[in-house]
Amino acid sequence: MDAFVVVGAGLTGAKAVETLRAEGFAGRVVLVGAEPDLPYERPPLSKGYLLGRDDRASVFVHDEKWYADQGIEVLTGRRVTALDRAAHEIELAGGERLGYTKLLLATGASPRRLRVPGNDLKGVHYLRRLAHADRLRDALAAGGRVVVAGAGWIGLETAAAARTYGCEVTIVEPSPSPLHATLGPELGAFFADLHRRHGVDLRLGTGVTGFAGDTSVTAVRTEVGEIPADVVIVGIGARPETQLAEEAGLAVDDGVCVDAALRTEDPDVFAAGDVASAWHPKYERRVRVEHWAAATNGGPAAALSMLGREVVHDDLPYFFSDQYDVGMEFTGWFPPGGYDRVVTRGEDDAFHAFWLADGRVVAGLHVNQWDEGLDAVRELIRSGRTVDPDQLADTARPLPS
């Protein structure tokens, strides 16, 4: 009997095994995860679940009965230590070996660690797993002084959550604006203003050099002085979990290298989600995306590819964020410095933004514009046609079509 094995029991893996069964695959399906929990969605960990608005059950992709009904073997709390491509086997911690016909690597990413003195003190938090969110939620609910290292998405969302709990919040970020590398200075300025309006102290252009305290953190040391802290949240990005692939001799370049069908150079090994550095036909280069859409769309695409279907996984990158009373969605992609103009449409906390390169829209974002959404923006990006910036900016005129 064919055995399809998925390493990584997160959203990518859950959507992959769901698709295998939905497409009629009748062989053995095994989902292996290092965490003790069933697959769950990660966005609530820095949003509704962290704020106590979403209950624990709501974050799981499926319940235990669903996997049993589908005949899917779920091995939680089991770490995969080796991939033997020649034998078509994986090895689990403890020595057990499991054979596969096709294998999907959905090992995800892990938080980048801040390698500074005091990084092991109690009260220094990273956010990636459900258990992390549980500990951080308890810490924020207790109130006090919170310092967030990093003004990326995790940093900003957790800062918003901390303010909602009534904590005193300071963000420390070495770049000149929040989300500087992701959105550029123009939209970074909007998010800086948003947080300042909600009482956050932003310390930009400086980095964290260490943490003070005996057993628990009491202050954050920066390049320009100390900041008192009862809780520290480190959000400085994530790194793909590629060790298994590397040790098995698979190509790795900021993620496991796969083609547009999410296949590695080994025809029986695939990769999807945060760990995959996938060839994107539109951009004609590899792109690795660490957001929810990469998992929810990449898992099914990989499953179809494992089944031998013709797959071209060319979805435009997409992500969303909720901070205070602001909800936003972004789609598109550009490398650092890969645009020459930003055009906004609307004002205050309800607008669209478009990133242009050579007169063409390469990415778009909306803030609190839920009636319009991003469909028209996606069409502009995919078309690659030049647009009139004045028409983009004029709310009295329709978007270019």
Protein backbone atom coordinates (compact mmCIF):
# COMPACT_ATOMS: atom_id res chain seq x y z
CA MET A 1 0.00 0.00 0.00
CA ASP A 2 1.26 3.50 -0.83
CA ALA A 3 2.13 5.58 2.22
CA PHE A 4 2.11 9.38 2.06
CA VAL A 5 3.88 10.90 5.06
CA VAL A 6 3.78 14.55 6.10
CA VAL A 7 6.48 15.83 8.45
CA GLY A 8 5.14 18.86 10.31
CA ALA A 9 1.72 18.87 11.95
CA GLY A 10 0.84 22.50 11.44
CA LEU A 11 -1.67 24.18 9.15
CA THR A 12 0.27 23.22 6.02
CA GLY A 13 0.33 19.57 6.99
CA ALA A 14 -3.31 19.53 8.06
CA LYS A 15 -4.48 21.05 4.77
CA ALA A 16 -2.29 18.63 2.83
CA VAL A 17 -3.73 15.48 4.44
CA GLU A 18 -7.23 16.91 4.17
CA THR A 19 -6.70 17.35 0.42
CA LEU A 20 -5.25 13.87 -0.03
CA ARG A 21 -8.39 12.30 1.35
CA ALA A 22 -10.71 14.75 -0.43
CA GLU A 23 -9.05 13.82 -3.73
CA GLY A 24 -9.66 10.13 -3.13
CA PHE A 25 -6.25 8.89 -2.02
CA ALA A 26 -6.97 5.57 -0.28
CA GLY A 27 -3.47 4.67 0.90
CA ARG A 28 -1.85 5.20 4.27
CA VAL A 29 -1.61 8.84 5.39
CA VAL A 30 0.61 9.74 8.35
CA LEU A 31 1.00 13.20 9.86
CA VAL A 32 3.99 13.58 12.20
CA GLY A 33 4.50 16.61 14.45
CA ALA A 34 6.97 17.55 17.18
CA GLU A 35 4.40 19.53 19.15
CA PRO A 36 2.01 17.71 21.54
CA ASP A 37 -1.08 19.36 20.04
CA LEU A 38 -3.12 18.60 16.95
CA PRO A 39 -2.53 20.99 14.02
CA TYR A 40 -3.69 24.52 14.74
CA GLU A 41 -3.70 27.93 13.08
CA ARG A 42 -1.02 30.34 14.25
CA PRO A 43 -2.50 33.80 13.47
CA PRO A 44 -4.81 33.71 16.53
CA LEU A 45 -1.75 33.28 18.76
CA SER A 46 -0.89 36.96 18.31
CA LYS A 47 -4.48 38.12 17.80
CA GLY A 48 -7.78 36.74 19.17
CA TYR A 49 -6.38 33.88 21.25
CA LEU A 50 -3.72 36.06 22.85
CA LEU A 51 -6.41 38.59 23.72
CA GLY A 52 -8.67 35.91 25.23
CA ARG A 53 -11.38 36.48 22.60
CA ASP A 54 -10.93 33.09 20.89
CA ASP A 55 -11.17 29.90 22.92
CA ARG A 56 -8.59 27.16 22.67
CA ALA A 57 -10.76 24.79 20.63
CA SER A 58 -11.24 27.41 17.90
CA VAL A 59 -7.59 27.44 16.84
CA PHE A 60 -7.43 23.78 15.81
CA VAL A 61 -7.83 22.91 12.14
CA HIS A 62 -9.70 19.65 12.88
CA ASP A 63 -10.59 17.75 16.00
CA GLU A 64 -9.29 14.30 16.89
CA LYS A 65 -12.44 12.57 15.62
CA TRP A 66 -12.03 14.08 12.16
CA TYR A 67 -8.58 12.53 11.71
CA ALA A 68 -9.86 9.18 12.95
CA ASP A 69 -12.86 9.32 10.60
CA GLN A 70 -10.56 10.09 7.68
CA GLY A 71 -8.21 7.25 8.53
CA ILE A 72 -5.29 9.62 9.06
CA GLU A 73 -2.62 8.60 11.56
CA VAL A 74 -1.50 11.58 13.62
CA LEU A 75 1.72 11.21 15.59
CA THR A 76 2.00 14.24 17.89
CA GLY A 77 4.95 14.91 20.16
CA ARG A 78 7.20 12.92 17.80
CA ARG A 79 10.30 14.59 16.42
CA VAL A 80 11.72 13.40 13.11
CA THR A 81 15.50 13.13 13.41
CA ALA A 82 16.56 11.88 9.98
CA LEU A 83 15.40 11.46 6.40
CA ASP A 84 16.80 8.46 4.52
CA ARG A 85 15.95 9.18 0.89
CA ALA A 86 17.55 6.01 -0.46
CA ALA A 87 15.49 3.79 1.84
CA HIS A 88 12.39 5.99 1.59
CA GLU A 89 12.21 6.21 5.37
CA ILE A 90 12.17 8.80 8.11
CA GLU A 91 13.55 8.16 11.57
CA LEU A 92 11.81 9.35 14.72
CA ALA A 93 13.43 10.26 18.01
CA GLY A 94 13.94 6.95 19.77
CA GLY A 95 14.93 5.12 16.61
CA GLU A 96 11.57 4.12 15.10
CA ARG A 97 11.59 4.21 11.30
CA LEU A 98 8.62 4.93 9.08
CA GLY A 99 8.51 4.20 5.37
CA TYR A 100 7.00 6.49 2.76
CA THR A 101 6.07 6.45 -0.90
CA LYS A 102 5.81 10.25 -1.05
CA LEU A 103 6.99 12.65 1.63
CA LEU A 104 5.99 16.26 2.33
CA LEU A 105 8.25 18.47 4.41
CA ALA A 106 6.04 20.98 6.22
CA THR A 107 8.41 21.68 9.09
CA GLY A 108 7.68 25.41 9.18
CA ALA A 109 9.89 27.98 10.84
CA SER A 110 11.06 28.87 14.32
CA PRO A 111 11.62 32.27 15.95
CA ARG A 112 15.02 33.86 15.49
CA ARG A 113 16.72 34.13 18.87
CA LEU A 114 18.19 37.31 20.21
CA ARG A 115 21.72 36.24 21.14
CA VAL A 116 22.46 38.75 23.89
CA PRO A 117 23.36 38.50 27.58
CA GLY A 118 20.37 37.58 29.74
CA ASN A 119 18.34 35.99 26.95
CA ASP A 120 17.54 33.01 29.18
CA LEU A 121 15.97 35.08 31.98
CA LYS A 122 12.43 34.34 33.07
CA GLY A 123 10.02 36.80 31.47
CA VAL A 124 11.65 36.80 28.02
CA HIS A 125 9.05 35.47 25.59
CA TYR A 126 9.02 34.23 22.01
CA LEU A 127 5.77 33.53 20.20
CA ARG A 128 5.40 30.63 17.79
CA ARG A 129 3.58 27.82 19.56
CA LEU A 130 0.31 27.48 21.41
CA ALA A 131 2.18 26.95 24.67
CA HIS A 132 4.06 30.22 24.06
CA ALA A 133 0.75 32.07 23.64
CA ASP A 134 -0.60 30.55 26.86
CA ARG A 135 2.39 31.78 28.85
CA LEU A 136 2.42 35.20 27.22
CA ARG A 137 -1.32 35.70 27.72
CA ASP A 138 -0.93 35.05 31.44
CA ALA A 139 1.99 37.47 31.60
CA LEU A 140 0.11 40.26 29.81
CA ALA A 141 -3.02 39.74 31.88
CA ALA A 142 -0.90 40.44 34.97
CA GLY A 143 -0.10 43.91 33.62
CA GLY A 144 3.14 45.78 34.09
CA ARG A 145 5.86 47.06 31.82
CA VAL A 146 6.28 45.30 28.48
CA VAL A 147 9.18 45.80 26.10
CA VAL A 148 8.88 44.43 22.57
CA ALA A 149 12.11 43.79 20.67
CA GLY A 150 11.29 44.12 16.98
CA ALA A 151 8.65 46.10 15.08
CA GLY A 152 7.64 43.44 12.59
CA TRP A 153 4.20 41.85 12.45
CA ILE A 154 4.60 39.76 15.60
CA GLY A 155 6.08 42.68 17.50
CA LEU A 156 3.32 45.09 16.50
CA GLU A 157 0.48 42.64 17.08
CA THR A 158 1.73 41.62 20.51
CA ALA A 159 2.34 45.27 21.40
CA ALA A 160 -1.29 46.01 20.50
CA ALA A 161 -2.42 43.07 22.62
CA ALA A 162 -0.32 44.27 25.56
CA ARG A 163 -1.85 47.76 25.35
CA THR A 164 -5.31 46.20 25.20
CA TYR A 165 -4.50 44.47 28.50
CA GLY A 166 -3.49 47.86 29.90
CA CYS A 167 0.26 47.27 29.97
CA GLU A 168 2.83 50.01 29.57
CA VAL A 169 4.51 49.18 26.24
CA THR A 170 7.80 50.14 24.62
CA ILE A 171 8.94 48.88 21.20
CA VAL A 172 12.66 48.78 20.38
CA GLU A 173 13.52 48.53 16.69
CA PRO A 174 16.87 49.17 14.95
CA SER A 175 15.25 50.24 11.66
CA PRO A 176 14.00 53.81 11.15
CA SER A 177 10.34 52.67 11.03
CA PRO A 178 8.20 49.65 11.85
CA LEU A 179 7.96 47.06 9.06
CA HIS A 180 10.71 48.94 7.27
CA ALA A 181 11.98 45.98 5.24
CA THR A 182 8.47 44.63 4.58
CA LEU A 183 6.46 47.71 3.63
CA GLY A 184 9.02 50.49 3.38
CA PRO A 185 9.11 53.81 5.25
CA GLU A 186 5.83 55.19 3.88
CA LEU A 187 3.52 52.60 5.44
CA GLY A 188 5.95 52.08 8.29
CA ALA A 189 5.19 55.65 9.31
CA PHE A 190 1.46 54.85 9.40
CA PHE A 191 1.98 51.92 11.79
CA ALA A 192 4.34 54.00 13.93
CA ASP A 193 1.66 56.67 14.27
CA LEU A 194 -1.02 54.05 14.99
CA HIS A 195 0.91 52.68 17.94
CA ARG A 196 1.90 56.08 19.27
CA ARG A 197 -1.78 57.09 19.23
CA HIS A 198 -2.44 54.08 21.45
CA GLY A 199 0.23 55.05 23.96
CA VAL A 200 3.16 52.92 22.80
CA ASP A 201 6.66 54.34 23.22
CA LEU A 202 8.61 53.59 20.03
CA ARG A 203 12.41 53.61 20.28
CA LEU A 204 13.48 53.45 16.64
CA GLY A 205 16.98 53.33 15.25
CA THR A 206 18.37 51.42 18.22
CA GLY A 207 18.89 47.75 19.01
CA VAL A 208 18.71 45.53 22.09
CA THR A 209 22.12 44.71 23.58
CA GLY A 210 21.05 42.62 26.56
CA PHE A 211 18.59 41.91 29.37
CA ALA A 212 19.12 42.76 33.02
CA GLY A 213 17.96 40.75 36.03
CA ASP A 214 18.98 37.96 38.37
CA THR A 215 16.51 35.19 37.54
CA SER A 216 13.72 37.30 35.99
CA VAL A 217 14.09 40.15 33.54
CA THR A 218 13.96 43.62 35.09
CA ALA A 219 15.20 45.78 32.21
CA VAL A 220 16.15 45.76 28.57
CA ARG A 221 19.53 47.19 27.66
CA THR A 222 19.67 49.09 24.38
CA GLU A 223 22.36 50.99 22.52
CA VAL A 224 21.14 54.21 24.15
CA GLY A 225 20.18 53.11 27.66
CA GLU A 226 18.04 50.79 29.78
CA ILE A 227 14.27 50.38 29.73
CA PRO A 228 12.54 48.86 32.80
CA ALA A 229 10.62 45.68 31.93
CA ASP A 230 8.54 43.03 33.62
CA VAL A 231 7.84 41.20 30.35
CA VAL A 232 9.90 41.09 27.16
CA ILE A 233 8.59 39.88 23.80
CA VAL A 234 11.16 39.12 21.12
CA GLY A 235 9.82 39.31 17.57
CA ILE A 236 12.77 39.59 15.22
CA GLY A 237 11.67 37.21 12.49
CA ALA A 238 11.79 33.48 11.89
CA ARG A 239 14.11 30.99 10.26
CA PRO A 240 12.94 28.01 8.20
CA GLU A 241 13.39 24.58 9.77
CA THR A 242 15.61 23.10 7.06
CA GLN A 243 17.94 20.87 9.08
CA LEU A 244 16.21 17.64 8.10
CA ALA A 245 16.39 18.54 4.41
CA GLU A 246 19.99 19.73 4.62
CA GLU A 247 21.19 16.57 6.32
CA ALA A 248 19.40 14.52 3.67
CA GLY A 249 21.31 16.35 0.93
CA LEU A 250 18.41 18.37 -0.45
CA ALA A 251 19.06 21.83 -1.86
CA VAL A 252 18.44 24.62 0.64
CA ASP A 253 18.53 28.37 0.01
CA ASP A 254 16.56 30.32 2.63
CA GLY A 255 14.24 27.33 2.76
CA VAL A 256 13.94 23.97 1.04
CA CYS A 257 14.26 24.59 -2.70
CA VAL A 258 11.22 23.46 -4.68
CA ASP A 259 9.82 24.12 -8.13
CA ALA A 260 6.42 25.65 -8.91
CA ALA A 261 4.83 22.25 -8.20
CA LEU A 262 6.49 22.24 -4.74
CA ARG A 263 8.80 19.32 -5.69
CA THR A 264 12.38 19.07 -4.51
CA GLU A 265 15.02 17.57 -6.76
CA ASP A 266 14.01 14.23 -5.26
CA PRO A 267 10.82 13.24 -7.13
CA ASP A 268 9.33 11.68 -3.99
CA VAL A 269 10.00 14.56 -1.60
CA PHE A 270 8.00 17.80 -1.55
CA ALA A 271 8.01 20.92 0.63
CA ALA A 272 5.37 23.56 1.37
CA GLY A 273 4.53 26.35 3.79
CA ASP A 274 7.01 28.46 5.73
CA VAL A 275 9.89 26.08 5.02
CA ALA A 276 9.58 26.11 1.21
CA SER A 277 11.64 28.37 -1.02
CA ALA A 278 9.45 27.95 -4.08
CA TRP A 279 9.96 28.98 -7.67
CA HIS A 280 7.33 31.58 -8.54
CA PRO A 281 6.52 31.85 -12.25
CA LYS A 282 5.47 35.50 -12.07
CA TYR A 283 8.56 36.67 -10.24
CA GLU A 284 10.91 34.25 -12.01
CA ARG A 285 12.76 33.55 -8.80
CA ARG A 286 12.36 31.66 -5.55
CA VAL A 287 10.08 33.22 -2.95
CA ARG A 288 9.56 32.08 0.64
CA VAL A 289 6.51 33.41 2.46
CA GLU A 290 5.98 32.92 6.21
CA HIS A 291 2.31 33.76 6.42
CA TRP A 292 -1.01 31.96 6.84
CA ALA A 293 -1.82 31.89 3.12
CA ALA A 294 1.41 30.06 2.32
CA ALA A 295 0.21 27.24 4.57
CA THR A 296 -3.48 27.17 3.72
CA ASN A 297 -2.82 27.25 -0.05
CA GLY A 298 0.54 25.49 -0.17
CA GLY A 299 -0.59 22.38 1.69
CA PRO A 300 -3.35 21.50 -0.83
CA ALA A 301 -1.10 22.36 -3.79
CA ALA A 302 1.61 20.04 -2.47
CA ALA A 303 -0.93 17.25 -1.90
CA LEU A 304 -2.14 17.49 -5.50
CA SER A 305 1.44 17.44 -6.71
CA MET A 306 2.14 14.32 -4.61
CA LEU A 307 -0.83 12.69 -6.34
CA GLY A 308 0.75 13.35 -9.73
CA ARG A 309 -1.55 16.18 -10.76
CA GLU A 310 -0.32 19.09 -12.84
CA VAL A 311 0.30 21.90 -10.35
CA VAL A 312 1.58 25.43 -10.80
CA HIS A 313 1.53 27.07 -7.38
CA ASP A 314 1.57 30.73 -8.36
CA ASP A 315 -0.65 32.37 -5.75
CA LEU A 316 0.32 35.93 -4.97
CA PRO A 317 1.76 36.28 -1.46
CA TYR A 318 -0.89 37.44 1.01
CA PHE A 319 -1.06 38.28 4.68
CA PHE A 320 -3.31 40.09 7.12
CA SER A 321 -2.99 41.80 10.46
CA ASP A 322 -5.24 43.12 13.22
CA GLN A 323 -3.99 45.84 15.55
CA TYR A 324 -6.36 47.77 17.81
CA ASP A 325 -9.28 48.86 15.60
CA VAL A 326 -7.27 48.50 12.39
CA GLY A 327 -7.54 45.48 10.15
CA MET A 328 -5.43 45.19 7.03
CA GLU A 329 -4.67 42.85 4.16
CA PHE A 330 -1.66 42.88 1.85
CA THR A 331 -0.97 41.09 -1.39
CA GLY A 332 1.95 41.05 -3.81
CA TRP A 333 5.69 40.97 -3.38
CA PHE A 334 8.75 43.10 -3.98
CA PRO A 335 12.37 42.72 -2.91
CA PRO A 336 13.88 45.41 -0.67
CA GLY A 337 13.96 48.60 -2.69
CA GLY A 338 11.86 46.96 -5.38
CA TYR A 339 9.43 49.84 -5.87
CA ASP A 340 9.77 53.50 -6.77
CA ARG A 341 6.49 54.99 -5.59
CA VAL A 342 3.66 54.45 -3.11
CA VAL A 343 0.20 55.76 -3.96
CA THR A 344 -2.55 55.96 -1.34
CA ARG A 345 -6.31 56.06 -1.93
CA GLY A 346 -8.42 57.22 1.00
CA GLU A 347 -7.36 58.77 4.27
CA ASP A 348 -6.88 58.36 8.01
CA ASP A 349 -7.47 54.72 9.03
CA ALA A 350 -9.42 53.65 5.92
CA PHE A 351 -7.39 53.56 2.73
CA HIS A 352 -5.65 51.55 0.04
CA ALA A 353 -1.94 51.72 -0.68
CA PHE A 354 -0.26 50.64 -3.91
CA TRP A 355 3.43 50.00 -4.45
CA LEU A 356 4.50 50.82 -8.02
CA ALA A 357 7.61 49.95 -9.99
CA ASP A 358 8.02 51.46 -13.46
CA GLY A 359 4.36 52.46 -13.43
CA ARG A 360 3.10 48.96 -12.59
CA VAL A 361 1.45 47.83 -9.36
CA VAL A 362 3.64 45.23 -7.63
CA ALA A 363 1.82 45.11 -4.28
CA GLY A 364 -1.24 46.52 -2.58
CA LEU A 365 -2.66 46.87 0.89
CA HIS A 366 -5.97 47.98 2.32
CA VAL A 367 -6.70 49.23 5.79
CA ASN A 368 -10.31 48.90 6.97
CA GLN A 369 -11.65 48.82 3.40
CA TRP A 370 -13.46 45.51 3.61
CA ASP A 371 -16.10 46.27 0.99
CA GLU A 372 -13.47 46.70 -1.72
CA GLY A 373 -10.93 44.10 -0.64
CA LEU A 374 -7.99 43.04 -2.79
CA ASP A 375 -9.45 41.32 -5.87
CA ALA A 376 -8.95 44.35 -8.11
CA VAL A 377 -5.45 44.79 -6.72
CA ARG A 378 -4.55 41.19 -7.52
CA GLU A 379 -5.74 41.71 -11.09
CA LEU A 380 -3.59 44.83 -11.46
CA ILE A 381 -0.55 42.97 -10.13
CA ARG A 382 -1.04 39.94 -12.36
CA SER A 383 -1.69 42.01 -15.48
CA GLY A 384 1.61 43.86 -15.19
CA ARG A 385 0.12 46.80 -17.11
CA THR A 386 1.03 50.41 -16.46
CA VAL A 387 -1.49 52.44 -14.50
CA ASP A 388 -2.35 56.09 -13.99
CA PRO A 389 -1.26 56.99 -10.44
CA ASP A 390 -3.78 59.83 -10.30
CA GLN A 391 -6.61 57.39 -11.01
CA LEU A 392 -5.31 55.06 -8.31
CA ALA A 393 -5.37 57.89 -5.79
CA ASP A 394 -8.77 59.35 -6.72
CA THR A 395 -11.56 57.79 -4.67
CA ALA A 396 -14.13 59.32 -7.02
CA ARG A 397 -12.83 57.24 -9.92
CA PRO A 398 -12.86 53.42 -10.18
CA LEU A 399 -9.63 51.52 -9.94
CA PRO A 400 -7.96 50.95 -13.33
CA SER A 401 -9.25 47.84 -15.05
